[in-house]
Amino acid sequence: MHTDPILVTSAVAVVAGIISQAIARRLRLPAILPLLLSGMLLGPSVLGVIDPASLGEGLRVLIGFAVAIILFEGGLSLKADSFRNAGATIRNLVTFGALLTWGVSALIARWLFPELGWGLSLLFGSLIIVTGPTVIQPLLASVRPRQRVSDVLRGEAILVDPVGALYAVLVLEYLVEAESIGKGAVFGEFGLRLALGGGLGLLAAGFLYLLMKRRSVLARDLHNLAVVAIAIGAYALSELLISESGVLTVTIAGFILGWLHPPGIEKVEEFKSQLTTMMVSIIFVLLSANVALAGLVGLGWNGLWLVLAVIFIVRPLVIFVSTLGGDLTLAERLFLAWIAPRGIIAAAVSSLFALILSQGGEPLGELVLYLVFAVVVGTVLVQAPTARWVAARLGVLEGDRNGFLFVGGNTIARALARALDRAGYAVQIVDRSQWQVDRARAEGLHARCADALDPLEIENFDLFGIGHLCAATPSDGVNRLAVQLYAREFGRENVRAIKLESSPPDDLSAGDPMYAFGSRLVWEDFLERLNAGQEIRSAEVDEDLAVDEIGRLLPGAVALLAIDEHERVRFLEDDDPLTVGEKLFYLTPGSDVESTGDSP
């Protein structure tokens, strides 16, 4: 039987990558571990099913496109709020923090592996500057540290990738071309890369913004594909003009587009996230297929000391220097010092550069590749499983999650969200309708256009501070699915659906959701009351009473929620008691009743 190595390699990489992702999610492991193991197992050194060399120059192009998509998606996901919360720390980490990582790592590599010389040691140092959003984002979603700690790690992971890649390019060109074109020309070309990447990134973001603002230009189902095509096109154009400038172009384009926030950007983020998952899976399987376990073991004790030095010396030094004079606590700085797993960008760029070095006759290029992979594996193995334990010990886990996620952006959801927002609680609305999302944003609410029932989209939600769900759509089926899905995240006692007239009664033994507000208020009645001008208000309870007594004190009012002095939230059922000191949220028709501060 005739076998086509290109076909087999490509198909097996896709299948193995997706299976590895599924295993990682099922076992709650960093995806990079099963991807690495499957690639090494299927590669030439073990089973020989995958042969990346059969792809020839196509592998190099594929790596470039994958890096472009990953960095563009990372730029999109980096929000301006991150800079408001931790801008100075992020700036320090991606500037002289990156330089410090580069220099100290190179010194240690030169000491432990003197055969590298200064040139390849500096190349190694530049390659491990990057951390990478593909590893950091899932880790943060699992650990849930404080908001500003999360902002620092996310911002650093996204912005330091192009910085590290550009430093690596500078060192590589110095090694390969300095003798032929001169040292001055190498540094001059580096400056041109910065200028081109910044300028072309701005132009690409501006063009994409105008395209998405004018929805009539393209059919709706082509928007996501058009954004991907333009991002890849900008990357390719930048690479054609000056090699290795594309990484900066796509990162800046993604960040600026995310900051401008054109209509439909959430759908683009969703699509790009799925595409990134696919690209990471395929590329990492292909890259790790070139890595033999014997090669990693062959690094010996010095390889282990190098990995430990990166974890216990380089990272803590960088964090404590970069946060000097800042407002981060010692515990927060210690946690940041512990977390810096390397990922796909480090692996991809090192593989690409090892190929270039080998073509240029440098026999030690493969040693650099194995050292980088050792750092990737070591940092993920050590830091990912221990991150939550370390965060708990240091006391930097996210505080009480008292905020609310509303599935549905309709009148009912917005009214509840406005009342809670005014009372100081974090609220977030998710709806598939851009029109409903725009209405919520116009009212000052945080809203996202997405499918709240899609697990892939849920991974992209920023749920910091959110610990309660209210499913408020006019579909009982959607509400039930939302309650069942988010009960895993928030706990069954913190998820509710608003009952419809057509909804069946609660059947807890069958796993059906408990409806918010009992039988006192169904969806249709709630909507009718709001359309008639009734409002949701809050007041402090100053005497013990039952929920059904509220109507006696506030004629026509319906009790909705109660929050005690410990910030615990209760969706009020028909016969629930109210105690002194609780904050009560209620729906009332009275226009003469003052809002917050009244006492029923």
Foldseek 3Di string as FASTA:
>chain_A
DDDDQVVQQQVCLLVQLVVLVVVCVVVVAQSLVSLLVLLQCCFPVHVNRHDLCSCPCVLVVLLLLLLLLQLLLLLLLQEPVLCVLAVLLLVLCLPVLLVLQLVVLLVLCCVLPVVCPSLLSSLLSLLQSAQAPSRLLSLCVVQAFAPNLSSSVSSNNNNNLLVSLLSNQLSLCCVQPCVPPNNVVSVVLSVVLVVLLQVLLVVLLVVLQVCLQPCVVDPPVCNLVVNSVSSVVSLVVSCVVPNSSSSSSSNSNSNSNSHVPHQPSLVNSLVSLVVSSSSQSSSSSSLSSPPHPCLLCVSDPSLVVSLVCSLPPSLLVSLVVSCVPHDDDPLSSVLSSRDRAHGDSSLSSLSSSLVVCVVSVNPCSVVSNSSSVSNNVSSSVPRSVCSNVSCVVSVRHAPAQLAEEEEDLDPLLLQVQVQVVVVPAAYEYEYLDSVSQVVSVVVVHHYGNDQLLDPSSVSSDPRRSHQAYEYEDPDQVSLQSNLVVCCVVRNLQRYAYAAAPPDDADDVVVVTHHHFLAPPDHNVNSVVLVVVPKHKFKEFAAAKDWQVCVCVVAPPKHWAWKAAPVRDIHRHYRTHIDHGRIMIIIIHPDPPDDGYHDYD
